[in-house]
Amino acid sequence: MLLEPGTPLVLPRHGGSWRVGAFLGEGSEGEVYELESETSTLAVKWYFPERAQPAKRRTLDRLVQMAAPTSRFLWPIEVLDGADSFGYVMPLRPPPYRPLATLLNDPGATAFSTVIRLCIGLADSFLKLHAQGLCYRDISYGNVFFDPATGDALICDNDNIGVEGRDPALVLGTSRFMAPEIVRGEAMPSTATDLYSLSVLIFYLLMLHHPLQGRRELRFECFDADAEKALFATDPVFVFDPHDDSNRPDPAVHAAVLAYWPLFPPYLQLDFTTAFTSGLHDPARRVREGVWRAHLARLLDGVVVCACRAENLTDDGVPFRPCWSCGQPISTPVRLRFGDRSLVLNAGTKVTRHQLRWDFGYDDIVGEVVVHPQRPDLWGLRNVGVRTWHAKDESGQAQDVPPGRAVGLVPGTTVEFGPATARIEA
């Protein structure tokens, strides 16, 4: 072990008395341990001596002077020196968070809405990272953890981050997530290559499959480096390319992606088609993080729960296929219409600041769909915020809806929330 549990460490920026705690894991670059004091716990990654390059140290020194783009990054907050190596201190991953591999290995255990929230968080995080002039360089499912209950994301291995065009890239990425131009040796990691990797990761999470692995992979007796280079770099073809069906999924081998693709509305299918057709060959045509964030938020707002309790995706609240689980038709649900946007109102659906301001503030809840305690056939939207709403039904009769009270989900009723006004539709 690189560090012995119980060894005291000095953290000049934090102060206090710290000691090395439990061993947490090992990667190609070093080992990760808990770092304990009397009042709190952090984590420290310590590098193998042969991986403790001066360029890595310079990158870390720069990162610790910056604020994390969002709290989803387990950001370096202090660099520590040893006799023949160094390490960096970061926040400790909380217990509920699990590797993405647990989601991919047991997809049925995680609801659509949870996975969509995860993807929104990733798009938002990398948008804010890139806005600071930084690129991640190694987006893949190995560098992300998620909370199975909420879909919240945590991004680790942030020592790979650098200033685009200035810091040398010490990693090129992870196999199958690297942009084709990197694999071909024509480019180094950048924001443009991050966009490709992000699109691959989102496809993986939603479709449980790689976007370029279709029946053409079956031509190779061994899935070796030559096969990967052909499929992902020199001759890549999207499995649902509308103009080239040579790499369609094989029903016997790629059943998951064939089952999931039809569940998604046309606008999201178009985003993936753009990302893996024109975006494969022209980095300027890749789908931006802001587009993913906006369209995934639209997708989340359109989730409708079937009578069988399965979550289904809609086209802005309008079902376009039977329930994937029970096969029964899905009735058009009650929705809140905010101009050209809509929010499906299922039991327990929450109206957040995001719906009112389109700012992706999902943690600020202002309303919640509730069922009448004595009349399960009567649903209402309860005000759980601090501002009084003003509602008006189709006949023009108005009512105030103060905090703690609810307005019935009667089609034709308009609700003025303050920053936005919505109409209840069915």
Protein backbone atom coordinates (compact mmCIF):
# COMPACT_ATOMS: atom_id res chain seq x y z
CA MET A 1 0.00 0.00 0.00
CA LEU A 2 1.19 3.50 -0.80
CA LEU A 3 -0.13 4.96 2.47
CA GLU A 4 -0.41 3.18 5.78
CA PRO A 5 -3.77 3.59 7.60
CA GLY A 6 -3.29 5.72 10.70
CA THR A 7 -0.43 7.75 9.21
CA PRO A 8 -0.80 11.44 10.15
CA LEU A 9 -0.92 13.95 7.31
CA VAL A 10 -0.64 17.73 7.35
CA LEU A 11 -3.18 19.67 5.28
CA PRO A 12 -1.83 23.25 5.17
CA ARG A 13 -4.95 24.71 3.57
CA HIS A 14 -7.38 22.97 5.92
CA GLY A 15 -5.46 22.87 9.15
CA GLY A 16 -6.34 20.46 11.92
CA SER A 17 -5.10 16.96 12.61
CA TRP A 18 -5.64 14.38 9.85
CA ARG A 19 -4.77 10.74 9.44
CA VAL A 20 -5.00 8.17 6.65
CA GLY A 21 -8.16 6.09 6.99
CA ALA A 22 -9.53 3.07 5.16
CA PHE A 23 -8.28 2.00 1.73
CA LEU A 24 -11.04 2.73 -0.81
CA GLY A 25 -9.69 1.51 -4.13
CA GLU A 26 -6.94 1.38 -6.72
CA GLY A 27 -6.67 2.53 -10.32
CA SER A 28 -4.01 2.72 -12.98
CA GLU A 29 -2.53 5.90 -11.50
CA GLY A 30 -2.66 5.32 -7.77
CA GLU A 31 -4.66 4.48 -4.67
CA VAL A 32 -7.52 6.24 -2.87
CA TYR A 33 -7.98 6.38 0.90
CA GLU A 34 -10.26 8.03 3.40
CA LEU A 35 -8.72 11.00 5.18
CA GLU A 36 -10.05 11.53 8.69
CA SER A 37 -10.07 14.28 11.26
CA GLU A 38 -12.02 14.61 14.51
CA THR A 39 -14.81 16.50 12.75
CA SER A 40 -14.91 15.44 9.10
CA THR A 41 -13.82 12.96 6.45
CA LEU A 42 -12.30 13.61 3.03
CA ALA A 43 -10.56 11.40 0.47
CA VAL A 44 -7.00 11.43 -0.83
CA LYS A 45 -5.68 9.97 -4.08
CA TRP A 46 -2.00 9.08 -3.89
CA TYR A 47 -0.05 8.44 -7.09
CA PHE A 48 2.29 5.59 -7.85
CA PRO A 49 5.78 7.13 -8.09
CA GLU A 50 6.05 6.37 -11.80
CA ARG A 51 2.75 8.21 -12.43
CA ALA A 52 3.64 11.31 -10.40
CA GLN A 53 4.65 13.41 -13.41
CA PRO A 54 5.55 17.10 -13.05
CA ALA A 55 2.84 17.95 -15.61
CA LYS A 56 0.24 16.24 -13.41
CA ARG A 57 1.44 18.25 -10.41
CA ARG A 58 1.17 21.52 -12.34
CA THR A 59 -2.36 20.64 -13.40
CA LEU A 60 -3.38 19.87 -9.82
CA ASP A 61 -1.81 23.07 -8.51
CA ARG A 62 -3.93 25.00 -11.01
CA LEU A 63 -7.16 23.08 -10.29
CA VAL A 64 -7.02 23.59 -6.51
CA GLN A 65 -7.01 27.33 -7.11
CA MET A 66 -10.28 27.09 -9.04
CA ALA A 67 -13.80 26.59 -7.77
CA ALA A 68 -15.54 23.41 -8.89
CA PRO A 69 -17.95 24.13 -11.79
CA THR A 70 -20.71 22.37 -9.80
CA SER A 71 -20.91 20.30 -6.62
CA ARG A 72 -21.19 17.19 -8.82
CA PHE A 73 -17.40 17.22 -9.33
CA LEU A 74 -15.27 15.58 -6.63
CA TRP A 75 -12.88 18.46 -7.19
CA PRO A 76 -9.21 18.58 -6.06
CA ILE A 77 -9.01 20.91 -3.06
CA GLU A 78 -5.43 20.46 -1.84
CA VAL A 79 -2.16 18.88 -3.05
CA LEU A 80 0.06 16.94 -0.64
CA ASP A 81 3.71 16.00 -1.11
CA GLY A 82 5.51 12.82 -0.10
CA ALA A 83 9.06 11.57 -0.34
CA ASP A 84 8.79 10.16 -3.87
CA SER A 85 5.26 11.05 -4.94
CA PHE A 86 2.28 13.28 -4.21
CA GLY A 87 -1.48 13.14 -3.94
CA TYR A 88 -4.53 15.34 -3.83
CA VAL A 89 -7.40 15.78 -1.42
CA MET A 90 -11.02 15.79 -2.59
CA PRO A 91 -14.51 15.41 -1.10
CA LEU A 92 -15.45 11.89 -0.09
CA ARG A 93 -18.10 10.12 -2.16
CA PRO A 94 -21.23 9.75 0.01
CA PRO A 95 -22.48 6.18 0.71
CA PRO A 96 -25.63 6.23 -1.50
CA TYR A 97 -23.65 6.78 -4.70
CA ARG A 98 -22.91 3.75 -6.85
CA PRO A 99 -20.80 3.17 -9.98
CA LEU A 100 -22.68 3.48 -13.26
CA ALA A 101 -21.89 -0.17 -13.91
CA THR A 102 -24.56 -1.11 -11.36
CA LEU A 103 -27.16 0.72 -13.46
CA LEU A 104 -26.00 -0.86 -16.72
CA ASN A 105 -25.89 -4.35 -15.21
CA ASP A 106 -29.39 -4.13 -13.71
CA PRO A 107 -31.30 -1.52 -15.74
CA GLY A 108 -34.73 -2.67 -14.59
CA ALA A 109 -33.96 -1.52 -11.06
CA THR A 110 -33.79 2.15 -12.06
CA ALA A 111 -36.76 4.16 -13.32
CA PHE A 112 -36.66 6.11 -16.60
CA SER A 113 -37.05 9.39 -14.72
CA THR A 114 -34.04 8.64 -12.51
CA VAL A 115 -31.80 7.86 -15.49
CA ILE A 116 -32.98 11.00 -17.30
CA ARG A 117 -32.19 13.14 -14.25
CA LEU A 118 -28.73 11.56 -14.20
CA CYS A 119 -28.18 12.49 -17.85
CA ILE A 120 -29.41 16.06 -17.26
CA GLY A 121 -26.94 16.42 -14.40
CA LEU A 122 -24.07 15.18 -16.55
CA ALA A 123 -24.93 17.53 -19.43
CA ASP A 124 -25.26 20.46 -17.02
CA SER A 125 -21.95 19.62 -15.31
CA PHE A 126 -19.91 19.42 -18.50
CA LEU A 127 -21.59 22.55 -19.88
CA LYS A 128 -20.36 24.46 -16.82
CA LEU A 129 -16.93 22.85 -16.97
CA HIS A 130 -16.49 23.84 -20.62
CA ALA A 131 -17.72 27.37 -19.87
CA GLN A 132 -14.62 27.77 -17.68
CA GLY A 133 -12.35 26.94 -20.62
CA LEU A 134 -11.66 23.45 -19.29
CA CYS A 135 -12.03 20.02 -20.89
CA TYR A 136 -12.47 16.73 -19.05
CA ARG A 137 -10.70 14.46 -21.58
CA ASP A 138 -11.99 11.12 -20.29
CA ILE A 139 -15.79 11.08 -20.11
CA SER A 140 -16.95 7.48 -19.66
CA TYR A 141 -19.10 5.38 -17.38
CA GLY A 142 -16.03 4.51 -15.29
CA ASN A 143 -15.70 8.08 -14.00
CA VAL A 144 -19.25 8.70 -12.81
CA PHE A 145 -21.21 7.64 -9.74
CA PHE A 146 -24.94 8.09 -9.24
CA ASP A 147 -27.54 8.02 -6.48
CA PRO A 148 -30.05 5.28 -7.44
CA ALA A 149 -32.83 7.05 -5.53
CA THR A 150 -32.49 10.52 -7.08
CA GLY A 151 -30.33 10.23 -10.20
CA ASP A 152 -27.84 12.76 -8.81
CA ALA A 153 -24.40 12.37 -10.39
CA LEU A 154 -20.88 12.61 -8.99
CA ILE A 155 -17.91 12.92 -11.34
CA CYS A 156 -14.53 11.64 -10.18
CA ASP A 157 -10.98 11.48 -11.61
CA ASN A 158 -10.94 15.24 -12.10
CA ASP A 159 -7.13 15.28 -12.17
CA ASN A 160 -7.50 14.66 -15.92
CA ILE A 161 -9.07 18.09 -16.42
CA GLY A 162 -7.02 20.79 -18.10
CA VAL A 163 -7.20 24.12 -19.83
CA GLU A 164 -8.02 23.49 -23.45
CA GLY A 165 -5.11 24.22 -25.75
CA ARG A 166 -2.66 24.82 -22.92
CA ASP A 167 -2.30 21.91 -20.49
CA PRO A 168 -0.81 18.73 -21.97
CA ALA A 169 -3.22 15.79 -22.14
CA LEU A 170 -1.88 12.99 -19.95
CA VAL A 171 -4.79 10.72 -20.92
CA LEU A 172 -6.46 10.35 -24.31
CA GLY A 173 -9.68 8.84 -22.99
CA THR A 174 -11.33 5.47 -22.50
CA SER A 175 -11.76 2.90 -25.24
CA ARG A 176 -15.13 3.14 -27.06
CA PHE A 177 -15.72 6.64 -25.66
CA MET A 178 -12.89 8.41 -27.46
CA ALA A 179 -13.78 10.55 -30.45
CA PRO A 180 -12.80 8.93 -33.77
CA GLU A 181 -10.24 11.62 -34.54
CA ILE A 182 -8.37 10.83 -31.31
CA VAL A 183 -8.28 7.09 -32.07
CA ARG A 184 -7.01 7.86 -35.57
CA GLY A 185 -4.22 10.00 -34.09
CA GLU A 186 -5.48 13.20 -35.73
CA ALA A 187 -6.43 15.19 -32.64
CA MET A 188 -5.90 15.55 -28.92
CA PRO A 189 -8.65 15.70 -26.28
CA SER A 190 -10.66 18.92 -26.32
CA THR A 191 -14.13 20.29 -25.69
CA ALA A 192 -15.16 18.95 -29.10
CA THR A 193 -14.03 15.43 -28.22
CA ASP A 194 -15.71 15.74 -24.81
CA LEU A 195 -18.99 16.40 -26.66
CA TYR A 196 -18.62 13.15 -28.56
CA SER A 197 -17.85 11.19 -25.38
CA LEU A 198 -20.80 12.79 -23.58
CA SER A 199 -23.16 11.76 -26.39
CA VAL A 200 -21.87 8.19 -26.23
CA LEU A 201 -22.38 8.11 -22.46
CA ILE A 202 -25.94 9.44 -22.69
CA PHE A 203 -26.76 6.88 -25.41
CA TYR A 204 -25.30 4.12 -23.24
CA LEU A 205 -27.40 5.18 -20.25
CA LEU A 206 -30.66 5.50 -22.17
CA MET A 207 -30.26 2.64 -24.67
CA LEU A 208 -27.95 0.28 -22.72
CA HIS A 209 -25.76 -0.07 -25.78
CA HIS A 210 -22.96 1.60 -27.72
CA PRO A 211 -24.21 3.69 -30.67
CA LEU A 212 -21.70 2.18 -33.13
CA GLN A 213 -21.97 -1.52 -32.24
CA GLY A 214 -24.27 -3.20 -34.73
CA ARG A 215 -24.07 -6.27 -36.89
CA ARG A 216 -20.77 -5.16 -38.45
CA GLU A 217 -19.02 -6.18 -35.22
CA LEU A 218 -20.05 -9.78 -35.93
CA ARG A 219 -17.64 -9.83 -38.89
CA PHE A 220 -14.70 -9.90 -36.49
CA GLU A 221 -13.68 -13.21 -34.97
CA CYS A 222 -12.01 -11.37 -32.09
CA PHE A 223 -13.00 -8.01 -30.67
CA ASP A 224 -9.41 -6.77 -30.53
CA ALA A 225 -7.74 -3.40 -31.08
CA ASP A 226 -8.09 -3.69 -34.86
CA ALA A 227 -11.82 -4.35 -34.57
CA GLU A 228 -12.30 -1.41 -32.22
CA LYS A 229 -10.37 0.92 -34.51
CA ALA A 230 -12.47 -0.09 -37.51
CA LEU A 231 -15.83 0.18 -35.71
CA PHE A 232 -15.14 3.30 -33.68
CA ALA A 233 -12.62 5.30 -35.70
CA THR A 234 -11.77 4.50 -39.30
CA ASP A 235 -15.19 3.33 -40.53
CA PRO A 236 -17.83 4.12 -37.88
CA VAL A 237 -21.54 3.81 -38.73
CA PHE A 238 -24.41 4.67 -36.37
CA VAL A 239 -26.64 1.69 -35.69
CA PHE A 240 -29.70 3.75 -36.70
CA ASP A 241 -28.12 5.80 -39.48
CA PRO A 242 -31.09 6.77 -41.71
CA HIS A 243 -28.97 6.59 -44.88
CA ASP A 244 -26.82 3.53 -44.15
CA ASP A 245 -28.36 0.36 -42.76
CA SER A 246 -25.13 -1.67 -42.92
CA ASN A 247 -24.67 -1.60 -39.15
CA ARG A 248 -28.21 -2.15 -37.90
CA PRO A 249 -28.49 -3.99 -34.55
CA ASP A 250 -28.68 -7.75 -34.84
CA PRO A 251 -31.91 -8.97 -33.13
CA ALA A 252 -30.16 -11.94 -31.58
CA VAL A 253 -27.22 -9.99 -30.18
CA HIS A 254 -28.41 -6.41 -29.73
CA ALA A 255 -31.93 -6.90 -28.43
CA ALA A 256 -31.70 -4.17 -25.78
CA VAL A 257 -31.08 -1.25 -28.14
CA LEU A 258 -33.79 -2.49 -30.52
CA ALA A 259 -36.24 -2.53 -27.61
CA TYR A 260 -35.30 0.86 -26.17
CA TRP A 261 -34.92 2.99 -29.32
CA PRO A 262 -38.67 3.03 -30.21
CA LEU A 263 -39.54 4.16 -26.67
CA PHE A 264 -38.01 7.60 -27.22
CA PRO A 265 -39.73 10.53 -28.96
CA PRO A 266 -38.57 11.71 -32.41
CA TYR A 267 -36.75 14.83 -31.18
CA LEU A 268 -34.38 12.78 -29.01
CA GLN A 269 -33.84 10.20 -31.75
CA LEU A 270 -32.89 13.11 -34.02
CA ASP A 271 -30.32 14.35 -31.49
CA PHE A 272 -28.65 10.94 -31.41
CA THR A 273 -28.78 10.70 -35.20
CA THR A 274 -27.03 14.07 -35.51
CA ALA A 275 -24.42 13.14 -32.88
CA PHE A 276 -23.49 9.88 -34.61
CA THR A 277 -23.79 10.76 -38.30
CA SER A 278 -22.62 14.28 -39.14
CA GLY A 279 -21.16 14.65 -35.63
CA LEU A 280 -18.99 11.58 -36.17
CA HIS A 281 -17.03 13.27 -38.92
CA ASP A 282 -17.43 16.99 -38.20
CA PRO A 283 -16.74 18.05 -34.59
CA ALA A 284 -18.53 21.35 -35.23
CA ARG A 285 -21.80 19.42 -35.83
CA ARG A 286 -21.78 17.61 -32.50
CA VAL A 287 -24.71 18.02 -30.13
CA ARG A 288 -23.89 20.62 -27.50
CA GLU A 289 -24.30 20.06 -23.77
CA GLY A 290 -26.98 22.76 -23.59
CA VAL A 291 -29.05 20.98 -26.24
CA TRP A 292 -28.82 17.68 -24.37
CA ARG A 293 -29.77 19.42 -21.13
CA ALA A 294 -32.80 21.16 -22.65
CA HIS A 295 -34.09 18.13 -24.56
CA LEU A 296 -33.56 15.75 -21.64
CA ALA A 297 -35.48 18.16 -19.39
CA ARG A 298 -38.27 18.13 -21.99
CA LEU A 299 -38.16 14.33 -21.93
CA LEU A 300 -38.33 14.24 -18.12
CA ASP A 301 -41.33 16.58 -18.04
CA GLY A 302 -43.14 14.26 -20.44
CA VAL A 303 -42.85 11.03 -18.40
CA VAL A 304 -46.29 9.50 -17.81
CA VAL A 305 -47.03 6.67 -15.39
CA CYS A 306 -49.25 3.90 -16.80
CA ALA A 307 -51.97 2.22 -14.75
CA CYS A 308 -49.53 -0.68 -14.38
CA ARG A 309 -47.13 1.80 -12.71
CA ALA A 310 -44.52 1.63 -15.46
CA GLU A 311 -43.01 4.95 -16.56
CA ASN A 312 -43.45 5.75 -20.26
CA LEU A 313 -41.98 8.49 -22.43
CA THR A 314 -44.19 10.84 -24.44
CA ASP A 315 -43.82 13.53 -27.06
CA ASP A 316 -44.40 16.62 -24.88
CA GLY A 317 -47.08 14.80 -22.92
CA VAL A 318 -48.74 13.10 -25.90
CA PRO A 319 -48.31 9.29 -25.85
CA PHE A 320 -47.15 7.87 -29.18
CA ARG A 321 -47.18 4.12 -28.42
CA PRO A 322 -48.75 1.61 -25.99
CA CYS A 323 -47.18 1.01 -22.60
CA TRP A 324 -43.89 -0.82 -23.03
CA SER A 325 -44.61 -2.92 -19.93
CA CYS A 326 -48.27 -4.03 -20.13
CA GLY A 327 -49.00 -3.26 -23.79
CA GLN A 328 -52.14 -1.28 -23.01
CA PRO A 329 -52.89 2.08 -24.69
CA ILE A 330 -51.91 5.12 -22.63
CA SER A 331 -54.51 7.84 -22.26
CA THR A 332 -53.42 11.43 -22.80
CA PRO A 333 -52.48 12.58 -19.29
CA VAL A 334 -53.37 15.79 -17.48
CA ARG A 335 -50.65 18.36 -18.13
CA LEU A 336 -49.58 21.83 -17.12
CA ARG A 337 -48.95 23.81 -20.31
CA PHE A 338 -46.35 26.57 -19.99
CA GLY A 339 -46.47 28.17 -23.45
CA ASP A 340 -44.77 25.67 -25.76
CA ARG A 341 -43.68 23.44 -22.86
CA SER A 342 -45.73 20.98 -20.84
CA LEU A 343 -45.39 19.03 -17.61
CA VAL A 344 -47.23 15.73 -17.21
CA LEU A 345 -49.04 15.58 -13.86
CA ASN A 346 -48.70 12.12 -12.36
CA ALA A 347 -49.43 11.34 -8.71
CA GLY A 348 -46.62 13.00 -6.76
CA THR A 349 -45.32 15.09 -9.68
CA LYS A 350 -43.50 18.17 -8.41
CA VAL A 351 -43.56 21.61 -10.01
CA THR A 352 -40.16 23.21 -9.51
CA ARG A 353 -38.46 26.50 -10.19
CA HIS A 354 -37.27 24.93 -13.43
CA GLN A 355 -40.78 24.80 -14.86
CA LEU A 356 -41.36 28.45 -13.92
CA ARG A 357 -38.03 29.87 -15.10
CA TRP A 358 -36.52 27.14 -17.35
CA ASP A 359 -33.31 27.32 -15.31
CA PHE A 360 -32.94 23.62 -14.36
CA GLY A 361 -33.54 24.41 -10.68
CA TYR A 362 -35.18 21.10 -9.78
CA ASP A 363 -34.41 21.30 -6.05
CA ASP A 364 -36.63 24.34 -5.48
CA ILE A 365 -40.13 22.77 -5.28
CA VAL A 366 -43.15 25.06 -5.48
CA GLY A 367 -46.03 22.61 -6.08
CA GLU A 368 -46.92 18.95 -5.81
CA VAL A 369 -49.73 16.79 -7.20
CA VAL A 370 -51.75 15.31 -4.33
CA VAL A 371 -54.75 12.99 -4.08
CA HIS A 372 -57.77 13.97 -1.98
CA PRO A 373 -57.62 11.98 1.30
CA GLN A 374 -61.29 10.94 1.09
CA ARG A 375 -61.82 11.02 -2.70
CA PRO A 376 -59.04 9.12 -4.54
CA ASP A 377 -60.62 10.18 -7.85
CA LEU A 378 -59.95 13.86 -7.09
CA TRP A 379 -56.48 15.20 -7.65
CA GLY A 380 -55.11 18.64 -6.95
CA LEU A 381 -51.94 20.71 -7.21
CA ARG A 382 -50.85 21.82 -3.73
CA ASN A 383 -48.89 25.02 -3.23
CA VAL A 384 -45.77 24.09 -1.24
CA GLY A 385 -43.91 27.33 -1.94
CA VAL A 386 -44.04 30.73 -0.25
CA ARG A 387 -45.96 32.73 -2.87
CA THR A 388 -49.76 32.75 -3.27
CA TRP A 389 -50.95 31.50 -6.66
CA HIS A 390 -53.89 32.92 -8.55
CA ALA A 391 -56.14 30.44 -10.39
CA LYS A 392 -59.03 30.98 -12.78
CA ASP A 393 -61.33 28.36 -14.29
CA GLU A 394 -62.81 28.40 -17.80
CA SER A 395 -65.88 30.33 -16.63
CA GLY A 396 -63.66 33.09 -15.29
CA GLN A 397 -64.16 32.30 -11.61
CA ALA A 398 -60.98 33.18 -9.76
CA GLN A 399 -59.47 31.87 -6.53
CA ASP A 400 -56.31 32.47 -4.55
CA VAL A 401 -54.22 29.43 -3.71
CA PRO A 402 -52.03 30.31 -0.70
CA PRO A 403 -49.22 28.05 0.55
CA GLY A 404 -50.63 24.80 1.89
CA ARG A 405 -53.79 24.89 -0.24
CA ALA A 406 -54.48 23.11 -3.55
CA VAL A 407 -56.20 23.87 -6.83
CA GLY A 408 -58.15 21.07 -8.52
CA LEU A 409 -56.76 19.56 -11.71
CA VAL A 410 -59.66 20.79 -13.81
CA PRO A 411 -58.87 21.15 -17.54
CA GLY A 412 -59.11 24.74 -18.71
CA THR A 413 -57.97 26.21 -15.39
CA THR A 414 -55.09 28.67 -15.56
CA VAL A 415 -52.67 29.04 -12.66
CA GLU A 416 -50.50 32.12 -12.21
CA PHE A 417 -47.44 31.03 -10.24
CA GLY A 418 -45.75 34.44 -10.27
CA PRO A 419 -42.82 34.02 -12.68
CA ALA A 420 -45.00 31.99 -15.09
CA THR A 421 -48.60 31.14 -15.90
CA ALA A 422 -49.73 27.66 -16.94
CA ARG A 423 -52.96 26.08 -18.18
CA ILE A 424 -54.23 22.70 -17.06
CA GLU A 425 -54.94 20.50 -20.08
CA ALA A 426 -56.09 16.93 -20.64
